[in-house]
């Protein structure tokens, strides 16, 4: 009889501990985003055109090279930076020259930036220049609908025609 009462008492204590942990598991309430907002992320990598930085070799440069290594044009190993612009509802929120990655600065440029937006419709304009001195070669303008707690991503895919908004 005493053993049964002890088992019931242990079960009651265990039940109180579990109920207490369950009631505290949702307190304090935490929100990663303010109420009625969503996140738009600009995230992609793209390598600028190396050929845009090539130049003709001078006579002195050609004379300094062995005959089997003489080329009419010099191509630098490094990639030029890309220039990225993002406008949301007519306000430019992001504009940056993004350098190439890697020790030799020969890898793609990488962009990753988050923007918290109010729920509703937003006009998005994204431009990318991957050749030095040119006008933006890749651009898109699109209206998106942002729901509360929504997460949209702007990616860049040249094979798909440029910027894609998921």
N, C-alpha and C. Protein backbone atom coordinates (compact mmCIF):
# COMPACT_ATOMS: atom_id res chain seq x y z
N UNK A 1 0.81 -1.19 0.00
CA UNK A 1 0.00 0.00 0.00
C UNK A 1 0.86 1.26 0.00
N UNK A 2 1.87 1.28 0.84
CA UNK A 2 2.76 2.44 0.90
C UNK A 2 3.54 2.56 -0.41
N UNK A 3 3.93 1.45 -1.00
CA UNK A 3 4.65 1.47 -2.27
C UNK A 3 3.78 2.06 -3.38
N UNK A 4 2.50 1.74 -3.37
CA UNK A 4 1.58 2.28 -4.38
C UNK A 4 1.42 3.78 -4.20
N UNK A 5 1.32 4.24 -2.93
CA UNK A 5 1.20 5.68 -2.68
C UNK A 5 2.47 6.42 -3.10
N UNK A 6 3.61 5.81 -2.87
CA UNK A 6 4.89 6.42 -3.28
C UNK A 6 4.96 6.53 -4.81
N UNK A 7 4.49 5.51 -5.51
CA UNK A 7 4.51 5.54 -6.97
C UNK A 7 3.56 6.62 -7.50
N UNK A 8 2.40 6.77 -6.89
CA UNK A 8 1.45 7.81 -7.30
C UNK A 8 2.04 9.19 -7.02
N UNK A 9 2.72 9.35 -5.88
CA UNK A 9 3.34 10.63 -5.54
C UNK A 9 4.44 10.98 -6.54
N UNK A 10 5.26 9.97 -6.90
CA UNK A 10 6.33 10.22 -7.89
C UNK A 10 5.73 10.59 -9.24
N UNK A 11 4.68 9.90 -9.62
CA UNK A 11 4.01 10.21 -10.88
C UNK A 11 3.43 11.62 -10.87
N UNK A 12 2.87 12.05 -9.74
CA UNK A 12 2.30 13.40 -9.63
C UNK A 12 3.39 14.45 -9.73
N UNK A 13 4.54 14.23 -9.09
CA UNK A 13 5.66 15.17 -9.17
C UNK A 13 6.18 15.24 -10.61
N UNK A 14 6.33 14.10 -11.26
CA UNK A 14 6.78 14.07 -12.64
C UNK A 14 5.79 14.79 -13.56
N UNK A 15 4.50 14.60 -13.33
CA UNK A 15 3.47 15.27 -14.11
C UNK A 15 3.53 16.78 -13.93
N UNK A 16 3.78 17.24 -12.70
CA UNK A 16 3.92 18.68 -12.44
C UNK A 16 5.14 19.27 -13.16
N UNK A 17 6.24 18.54 -13.16
CA UNK A 17 7.45 19.02 -13.85
C UNK A 17 7.20 19.13 -15.35
N UNK A 18 6.60 18.11 -15.94
CA UNK A 18 6.32 18.12 -17.39
C UNK A 18 5.34 19.23 -17.73
N UNK A 19 4.28 19.40 -16.93
CA UNK A 19 3.30 20.45 -17.19
C UNK A 19 3.93 21.84 -17.05
N UNK A 20 4.80 22.00 -16.07
CA UNK A 20 5.49 23.29 -15.90
C UNK A 20 6.40 23.59 -17.07
N UNK A 21 7.16 22.61 -17.52
CA UNK A 21 8.05 22.81 -18.68
C UNK A 21 7.24 23.11 -19.93
N UNK A 22 6.12 22.42 -20.12
CA UNK A 22 5.28 22.66 -21.30
C UNK A 22 4.68 24.06 -21.27
N UNK A 23 4.28 24.53 -20.09
CA UNK A 23 3.66 25.86 -20.03
C UNK A 23 4.70 26.95 -20.22
N UNK A 24 5.94 26.73 -19.85
CA UNK A 24 7.00 27.72 -20.02
C UNK A 24 7.69 27.65 -21.38
N UNK A 25 7.40 26.62 -22.16
CA UNK A 25 8.10 26.44 -23.43
C UNK A 25 7.74 27.51 -24.45
N UNK A 26 6.62 28.15 -24.29
CA UNK A 26 6.19 29.17 -25.24
C UNK A 26 6.28 30.57 -24.63
N UNK A 27 7.04 30.72 -23.58
CA UNK A 27 7.14 32.00 -22.90
C UNK A 27 8.61 32.32 -22.66
N UNK A 28 9.12 33.47 -22.84
CA UNK A 28 8.43 34.62 -23.42
C UNK A 28 8.27 34.46 -24.92
N UNK A 29 7.27 35.08 -25.47
CA UNK A 29 7.01 34.98 -26.91
C UNK A 29 8.11 35.71 -27.66
N UNK A 30 8.62 35.09 -28.72
CA UNK A 30 9.69 35.69 -29.52
C UNK A 30 9.25 35.75 -30.98
N UNK A 31 9.46 36.91 -31.58
CA UNK A 31 9.17 37.08 -33.01
C UNK A 31 10.45 37.52 -33.69
N UNK A 32 10.82 36.83 -34.75
CA UNK A 32 12.02 37.22 -35.49
C UNK A 32 11.76 38.40 -36.41
N UNK A 33 10.49 38.64 -36.74
CA UNK A 33 10.11 39.78 -37.58
C UNK A 33 9.02 40.58 -36.88
N UNK A 34 9.00 41.88 -37.09
CA UNK A 34 7.89 42.67 -36.55
C UNK A 34 6.56 42.22 -37.16
N UNK A 35 5.49 42.45 -36.44
CA UNK A 35 4.14 42.08 -36.89
C UNK A 35 3.82 42.75 -38.22
N UNK A 36 3.28 41.99 -39.17
CA UNK A 36 2.84 42.54 -40.46
C UNK A 36 3.96 42.83 -41.44
N UNK A 37 5.11 42.16 -41.28
CA UNK A 37 6.22 42.36 -42.20
C UNK A 37 6.69 41.04 -42.79
N UNK A 38 7.48 41.13 -43.84
CA UNK A 38 8.10 39.98 -44.47
C UNK A 38 9.53 40.31 -44.84
N UNK A 39 10.25 39.35 -45.38
CA UNK A 39 11.65 39.54 -45.72
C UNK A 39 11.85 39.34 -47.21
N UNK A 40 12.59 40.25 -47.82
CA UNK A 40 13.04 40.13 -49.21
C UNK A 40 14.55 40.00 -49.16
N UNK A 41 15.09 38.93 -49.75
CA UNK A 41 16.53 38.69 -49.74
C UNK A 41 17.08 38.76 -51.15
N UNK A 42 18.09 39.59 -51.33
CA UNK A 42 18.83 39.67 -52.60
C UNK A 42 20.05 38.78 -52.41
N UNK A 43 20.09 37.64 -53.10
CA UNK A 43 21.15 36.67 -52.87
C UNK A 43 21.51 35.96 -54.17
N UNK A 44 22.74 36.16 -54.62
CA UNK A 44 23.21 35.47 -55.83
C UNK A 44 24.73 35.60 -55.92
N UNK A 45 25.32 34.86 -56.84
CA UNK A 45 26.73 35.05 -57.19
C UNK A 45 26.83 35.06 -58.71
N UNK A 46 27.73 35.92 -59.19
CA UNK A 46 27.90 36.08 -60.64
C UNK A 46 29.30 36.61 -60.89
N UNK A 47 29.95 36.04 -61.89
CA UNK A 47 31.29 36.49 -62.27
C UNK A 47 31.22 37.49 -63.41
N UNK A 48 31.89 38.61 -63.23
CA UNK A 48 31.94 39.63 -64.28
C UNK A 48 32.74 39.11 -65.47
N UNK A 49 32.54 39.73 -66.60
CA UNK A 49 33.19 39.32 -67.85
C UNK A 49 34.66 39.71 -67.83
N UNK A 50 35.55 38.71 -67.84
CA UNK A 50 37.00 39.00 -67.87
C UNK A 50 37.41 39.66 -69.18
N UNK A 51 36.74 39.29 -70.25
CA UNK A 51 37.11 39.84 -71.56
C UNK A 51 36.90 41.33 -71.67
N UNK A 52 36.06 41.90 -70.81
CA UNK A 52 35.82 43.34 -70.86
C UNK A 52 37.04 44.13 -70.43
N UNK A 53 37.96 43.51 -69.68
CA UNK A 53 39.13 44.21 -69.19
C UNK A 53 40.38 43.94 -70.05
N UNK A 54 40.22 43.22 -71.16
CA UNK A 54 41.40 42.94 -71.99
C UNK A 54 41.82 44.20 -72.75
N UNK A 55 43.10 44.26 -73.07
CA UNK A 55 43.64 45.43 -73.78
C UNK A 55 44.73 44.97 -74.74
N UNK A 56 45.00 45.78 -75.74
CA UNK A 56 46.06 45.41 -76.68
C UNK A 56 47.44 45.49 -76.00
N UNK A 57 48.31 44.56 -76.36
CA UNK A 57 49.67 44.56 -75.81
C UNK A 57 50.51 45.62 -76.50
N UNK A 58 51.36 46.27 -75.72
CA UNK A 58 52.26 47.28 -76.30
C UNK A 58 53.46 46.57 -76.93
N UNK A 59 54.19 47.28 -77.75
CA UNK A 59 55.39 46.71 -78.40
C UNK A 59 56.43 46.31 -77.36
N UNK A 60 56.55 47.10 -76.29
CA UNK A 60 57.53 46.79 -75.23
C UNK A 60 57.16 45.49 -74.51
N UNK A 61 55.86 45.31 -74.24
CA UNK A 61 55.42 44.08 -73.57
C UNK A 61 55.65 42.86 -74.46
N UNK A 62 55.39 43.00 -75.75
CA UNK A 62 55.62 41.88 -76.68
C UNK A 62 57.09 41.55 -76.80
N UNK A 63 57.96 42.57 -76.82
CA UNK A 63 59.39 42.33 -76.96
C UNK A 63 59.96 41.65 -75.71
N UNK A 64 59.36 41.88 -74.54
CA UNK A 64 59.85 41.29 -73.30
C UNK A 64 59.48 39.82 -73.17
N UNK A 65 58.56 39.34 -73.99
CA UNK A 65 58.12 37.95 -73.90
C UNK A 65 58.83 37.07 -74.92
N UNK A 66 58.99 35.78 -74.60
CA UNK A 66 59.53 34.86 -75.60
C UNK A 66 58.58 34.79 -76.81
N UNK A 67 59.09 34.48 -77.98
CA UNK A 67 58.24 34.47 -79.19
C UNK A 67 57.02 33.56 -79.09
N UNK A 68 57.14 32.44 -78.40
CA UNK A 68 56.00 31.51 -78.32
C UNK A 68 54.91 31.99 -77.35
N UNK A 69 55.16 33.06 -76.58
CA UNK A 69 54.19 33.55 -75.61
C UNK A 69 53.61 34.91 -75.99
N UNK A 70 53.95 35.39 -77.16
CA UNK A 70 53.48 36.71 -77.58
C UNK A 70 52.04 36.64 -78.08
N UNK A 71 51.20 37.44 -77.46
CA UNK A 71 49.79 37.53 -77.85
C UNK A 71 49.46 38.99 -78.11
N UNK A 72 48.54 39.19 -79.00
CA UNK A 72 48.16 40.56 -79.38
C UNK A 72 47.41 41.28 -78.26
N UNK A 73 46.68 40.51 -77.43
CA UNK A 73 45.89 41.12 -76.35
C UNK A 73 46.30 40.52 -75.01
N UNK A 74 46.19 41.33 -73.96
CA UNK A 74 46.51 40.89 -72.61
C UNK A 74 45.22 40.79 -71.83
N UNK A 75 44.99 39.60 -71.27
CA UNK A 75 43.80 39.35 -70.46
C UNK A 75 44.22 39.28 -68.99
N UNK A 76 43.72 40.15 -68.15
CA UNK A 76 44.09 40.06 -66.74
C UNK A 76 43.45 38.84 -66.08
N UNK A 77 44.11 38.33 -65.06
CA UNK A 77 43.57 37.18 -64.33
C UNK A 77 42.36 37.58 -63.49
N UNK A 78 42.42 38.78 -62.91
CA UNK A 78 41.35 39.24 -62.02
C UNK A 78 40.09 39.58 -62.80
N UNK A 79 38.96 39.34 -62.16
CA UNK A 79 37.68 39.76 -62.72
C UNK A 79 37.40 41.19 -62.25
N UNK A 80 36.72 41.98 -63.04
CA UNK A 80 36.30 43.29 -62.54
C UNK A 80 35.12 43.11 -61.57
N UNK A 81 34.87 44.10 -60.71
CA UNK A 81 33.72 44.00 -59.81
C UNK A 81 32.41 44.16 -60.59
N UNK A 82 31.33 43.67 -60.00
CA UNK A 82 30.00 43.90 -60.58
C UNK A 82 29.35 45.04 -59.81
N UNK A 83 28.44 45.72 -60.46
CA UNK A 83 27.70 46.82 -59.81
C UNK A 83 26.24 46.41 -59.72
N UNK A 84 25.69 46.42 -58.49
CA UNK A 84 24.32 45.98 -58.25
C UNK A 84 23.52 47.12 -57.64
N UNK A 85 22.30 47.31 -58.14
CA UNK A 85 21.38 48.31 -57.59
C UNK A 85 20.03 47.65 -57.34
N UNK A 86 19.41 48.01 -56.20
CA UNK A 86 18.07 47.52 -55.88
C UNK A 86 17.23 48.70 -55.41
N UNK A 87 16.09 48.88 -56.07
CA UNK A 87 15.14 49.90 -55.66
C UNK A 87 13.85 49.20 -55.24
N UNK A 88 13.29 49.66 -54.13
CA UNK A 88 12.01 49.16 -53.65
C UNK A 88 11.09 50.36 -53.51
N UNK A 89 10.00 50.35 -54.25
CA UNK A 89 9.03 51.44 -54.25
C UNK A 89 9.68 52.79 -54.58
N UNK A 90 10.61 52.78 -55.53
CA UNK A 90 11.26 54.00 -55.99
C UNK A 90 12.38 54.50 -55.11
N UNK A 91 12.68 53.82 -54.03
CA UNK A 91 13.77 54.22 -53.13
C UNK A 91 14.92 53.25 -53.29
N UNK A 92 16.11 53.77 -53.60
CA UNK A 92 17.28 52.92 -53.78
C UNK A 92 17.79 52.50 -52.40
N UNK A 93 17.64 51.22 -52.09
CA UNK A 93 18.04 50.69 -50.79
C UNK A 93 19.40 50.00 -50.83
N UNK A 94 19.86 49.64 -52.02
CA UNK A 94 21.12 48.91 -52.13
C UNK A 94 21.80 49.33 -53.42
N UNK A 95 23.02 49.80 -53.31
CA UNK A 95 23.84 50.11 -54.48
C UNK A 95 25.28 49.86 -54.08
N UNK A 96 25.92 48.92 -54.78
CA UNK A 96 27.26 48.54 -54.37
C UNK A 96 28.05 47.97 -55.53
N UNK A 97 29.35 48.27 -55.53
CA UNK A 97 30.31 47.59 -56.40
C UNK A 97 30.81 46.40 -55.60
N UNK A 98 30.53 45.19 -56.08
CA UNK A 98 30.86 43.98 -55.35
C UNK A 98 32.12 43.37 -55.96
N UNK A 99 33.19 43.29 -55.17
CA UNK A 99 34.44 42.75 -55.71
C UNK A 99 34.35 41.24 -55.92
N UNK A 100 35.21 40.71 -56.79
CA UNK A 100 35.22 39.26 -57.00
C UNK A 100 35.80 38.55 -55.78
N UNK A 101 35.46 37.29 -55.63
CA UNK A 101 35.94 36.50 -54.51
C UNK A 101 37.23 35.79 -54.88
N UNK A 102 37.86 35.19 -53.90
CA UNK A 102 39.06 34.39 -54.13
C UNK A 102 40.34 35.16 -53.86
N UNK A 103 41.40 34.41 -53.63
CA UNK A 103 42.70 35.02 -53.35
C UNK A 103 43.19 35.79 -54.58
N UNK A 104 43.02 35.21 -55.75
CA UNK A 104 43.45 35.88 -56.97
C UNK A 104 42.40 36.82 -57.53
N UNK A 105 41.31 37.02 -56.79
CA UNK A 105 40.20 37.88 -57.21
C UNK A 105 39.68 37.45 -58.59
N UNK A 106 39.62 36.12 -58.77
CA UNK A 106 39.18 35.59 -60.05
C UNK A 106 37.86 34.82 -59.94
N UNK A 107 37.28 34.80 -58.76
CA UNK A 107 36.02 34.08 -58.56
C UNK A 107 34.82 34.98 -58.77
N UNK A 108 33.64 34.43 -58.60
CA UNK A 108 32.43 35.24 -58.78
C UNK A 108 32.24 36.23 -57.63
N UNK A 109 31.55 37.30 -57.91
CA UNK A 109 31.16 38.25 -56.87
C UNK A 109 29.92 37.68 -56.18
N UNK A 110 29.84 37.87 -54.86
CA UNK A 110 28.74 37.30 -54.09
C UNK A 110 27.97 38.41 -53.38
N UNK A 111 26.63 38.34 -53.49
CA UNK A 111 25.75 39.32 -52.88
C UNK A 111 24.76 38.59 -51.99
N UNK A 112 24.58 39.08 -50.77
CA UNK A 112 23.55 38.54 -49.88
C UNK A 112 23.13 39.67 -48.94
N UNK A 113 21.92 40.16 -49.12
CA UNK A 113 21.40 41.26 -48.31
C UNK A 113 19.93 41.05 -48.04
N UNK A 114 19.50 41.26 -46.78
CA UNK A 114 18.09 41.10 -46.38
C UNK A 114 17.45 42.46 -46.21
N UNK A 115 16.16 42.52 -46.56
CA UNK A 115 15.36 43.74 -46.38
C UNK A 115 14.03 43.34 -45.76
N UNK A 116 13.67 44.00 -44.66
CA UNK A 116 12.38 43.76 -44.01
C UNK A 116 11.38 44.74 -44.61
N UNK A 117 10.29 44.21 -45.18
CA UNK A 117 9.29 45.03 -45.85
C UNK A 117 7.92 44.85 -45.21
N UNK A 118 7.13 45.90 -45.24
CA UNK A 118 5.75 45.80 -44.76
C UNK A 118 4.96 44.92 -45.72
N UNK A 119 3.96 44.26 -45.19
CA UNK A 119 3.10 43.42 -46.03
C UNK A 119 2.38 44.31 -47.04
N UNK A 120 2.16 43.78 -48.24
CA UNK A 120 1.48 44.52 -49.29
C UNK A 120 2.24 44.43 -50.60
N UNK A 121 1.83 45.25 -51.56
CA UNK A 121 2.46 45.25 -52.89
C UNK A 121 3.66 46.19 -52.90
N UNK A 122 4.73 45.77 -53.57
CA UNK A 122 5.95 46.56 -53.67
C UNK A 122 6.48 46.49 -55.10
N UNK A 123 6.94 47.63 -55.59
CA UNK A 123 7.58 47.71 -56.92
C UNK A 123 9.08 47.49 -56.73
N UNK A 124 9.60 46.43 -57.34
CA UNK A 124 11.01 46.06 -57.20
C UNK A 124 11.72 46.32 -58.53
N UNK A 125 12.86 47.01 -58.48
CA UNK A 125 13.71 47.21 -59.66
C UNK A 125 15.13 46.79 -59.29
N UNK A 126 15.70 45.87 -60.08
CA UNK A 126 17.05 45.36 -59.82
C UNK A 126 17.86 45.54 -61.10
N UNK A 127 19.09 46.04 -60.94
CA UNK A 127 19.99 46.24 -62.07
C UNK A 127 21.37 45.67 -61.75
N UNK A 128 22.02 45.11 -62.77
CA UNK A 128 23.35 44.53 -62.63
C UNK A 128 24.20 44.94 -63.82
N UNK A 129 25.39 45.46 -63.52
CA UNK A 129 26.36 45.77 -64.57
C UNK A 129 27.56 44.87 -64.33
N UNK A 130 27.87 44.01 -65.33
CA UNK A 130 28.99 43.09 -65.16
C UNK A 130 30.13 43.36 -66.14
N UNK A 131 30.07 44.49 -66.82
CA UNK A 131 31.16 44.94 -67.69
C UNK A 131 31.50 46.37 -67.29
N UNK A 132 32.76 46.67 -67.03
CA UNK A 132 33.14 48.01 -66.58
C UNK A 132 32.74 49.10 -67.57
N UNK A 133 32.15 50.17 -67.05
CA UNK A 133 31.82 51.33 -67.86
C UNK A 133 30.52 51.23 -68.63
N UNK A 134 29.93 50.06 -68.74
CA UNK A 134 28.69 49.89 -69.49
C UNK A 134 27.48 50.33 -68.68
N UNK A 135 26.38 50.46 -69.36
CA UNK A 135 25.09 50.61 -68.70
C UNK A 135 24.72 49.23 -68.14
N UNK A 136 23.81 49.19 -67.17
CA UNK A 136 23.42 47.87 -66.65
C UNK A 136 22.93 46.94 -67.76
N UNK A 137 23.57 45.78 -67.86
CA UNK A 137 23.20 44.83 -68.91
C UNK A 137 22.04 43.94 -68.51
N UNK A 138 21.83 43.81 -67.22
CA UNK A 138 20.75 42.96 -66.71
C UNK A 138 19.88 43.80 -65.80
N UNK A 139 18.59 43.83 -66.08
CA UNK A 139 17.68 44.58 -65.22
C UNK A 139 16.28 44.01 -65.31
N UNK A 140 15.56 44.18 -64.23
CA UNK A 140 14.17 43.75 -64.20
C UNK A 140 13.39 44.69 -63.29
N UNK A 141 12.13 44.83 -63.60
CA UNK A 141 11.20 45.62 -62.78
C UNK A 141 9.95 44.77 -62.63
N UNK A 142 9.53 44.58 -61.39
CA UNK A 142 8.40 43.69 -61.14
C UNK A 142 7.68 44.14 -59.87
N UNK A 143 6.37 43.95 -59.86
CA UNK A 143 5.59 44.20 -58.66
C UNK A 143 5.37 42.87 -57.95
N UNK A 144 5.70 42.84 -56.67
CA UNK A 144 5.51 41.61 -55.89
C UNK A 144 4.52 41.88 -54.76
N UNK A 145 3.92 40.82 -54.31
CA UNK A 145 2.99 40.90 -53.16
C UNK A 145 3.67 40.22 -51.98
N UNK A 146 3.86 40.96 -50.91
CA UNK A 146 4.49 40.44 -49.70
C UNK A 146 3.42 40.22 -48.64
N UNK A 147 3.27 38.97 -48.21
CA UNK A 147 2.34 38.63 -47.13
C UNK A 147 3.07 38.70 -45.80
N UNK A 148 2.34 38.84 -44.68
CA UNK A 148 3.02 38.83 -43.38
C UNK A 148 3.79 37.53 -43.18
N UNK A 149 5.00 37.66 -42.65
CA UNK A 149 5.91 36.54 -42.38
C UNK A 149 6.36 35.82 -43.65
N UNK A 150 6.19 36.45 -44.81
CA UNK A 150 6.60 35.88 -46.09
C UNK A 150 8.10 36.09 -46.28
N UNK A 151 8.75 35.19 -47.03
CA UNK A 151 10.16 35.34 -47.36
C UNK A 151 10.32 35.16 -48.86
N UNK A 152 10.67 36.23 -49.56
CA UNK A 152 10.88 36.20 -51.00
C UNK A 152 12.37 36.37 -51.28
N UNK A 153 12.84 35.78 -52.38
CA UNK A 153 14.26 35.81 -52.73
C UNK A 153 14.43 36.31 -54.16
N UNK A 154 15.40 37.21 -54.36
CA UNK A 154 15.79 37.65 -55.70
C UNK A 154 17.08 36.93 -56.04
N UNK A 155 17.03 36.13 -57.09
CA UNK A 155 18.19 35.36 -57.54
C UNK A 155 18.57 35.85 -58.93
N UNK A 156 19.79 35.57 -59.36
CA UNK A 156 20.23 35.94 -60.70
C UNK A 156 20.62 34.68 -61.45
N UNK A 157 19.94 34.44 -62.58
CA UNK A 157 20.20 33.27 -63.42
C UNK A 157 20.27 33.72 -64.87
N UNK A 158 21.46 33.85 -65.42
CA UNK A 158 21.58 34.31 -66.82
C UNK A 158 20.85 33.39 -67.80
N UNK A 159 20.83 32.09 -67.55
CA UNK A 159 20.15 31.15 -68.45
C UNK A 159 18.63 31.36 -68.44
N UNK A 160 18.09 31.91 -67.35
CA UNK A 160 16.64 32.14 -67.24
C UNK A 160 16.29 33.56 -67.67
N UNK A 161 17.26 34.32 -68.16
CA UNK A 161 16.98 35.66 -68.65
C UNK A 161 17.33 36.77 -67.67
N UNK A 162 17.97 36.46 -66.58
CA UNK A 162 18.39 37.50 -65.63
C UNK A 162 17.88 37.25 -64.24
N UNK A 163 17.27 38.28 -63.65
CA UNK A 163 16.81 38.19 -62.27
C UNK A 163 15.50 37.41 -62.19
N UNK A 164 15.41 36.56 -61.17
CA UNK A 164 14.22 35.77 -60.90
C UNK A 164 13.81 36.03 -59.46
N UNK A 165 12.53 36.33 -59.24
CA UNK A 165 12.05 36.59 -57.88
C UNK A 165 11.15 35.42 -57.49
N UNK A 166 11.55 34.73 -56.43
CA UNK A 166 10.79 33.57 -55.95
C UNK A 166 9.88 34.00 -54.82
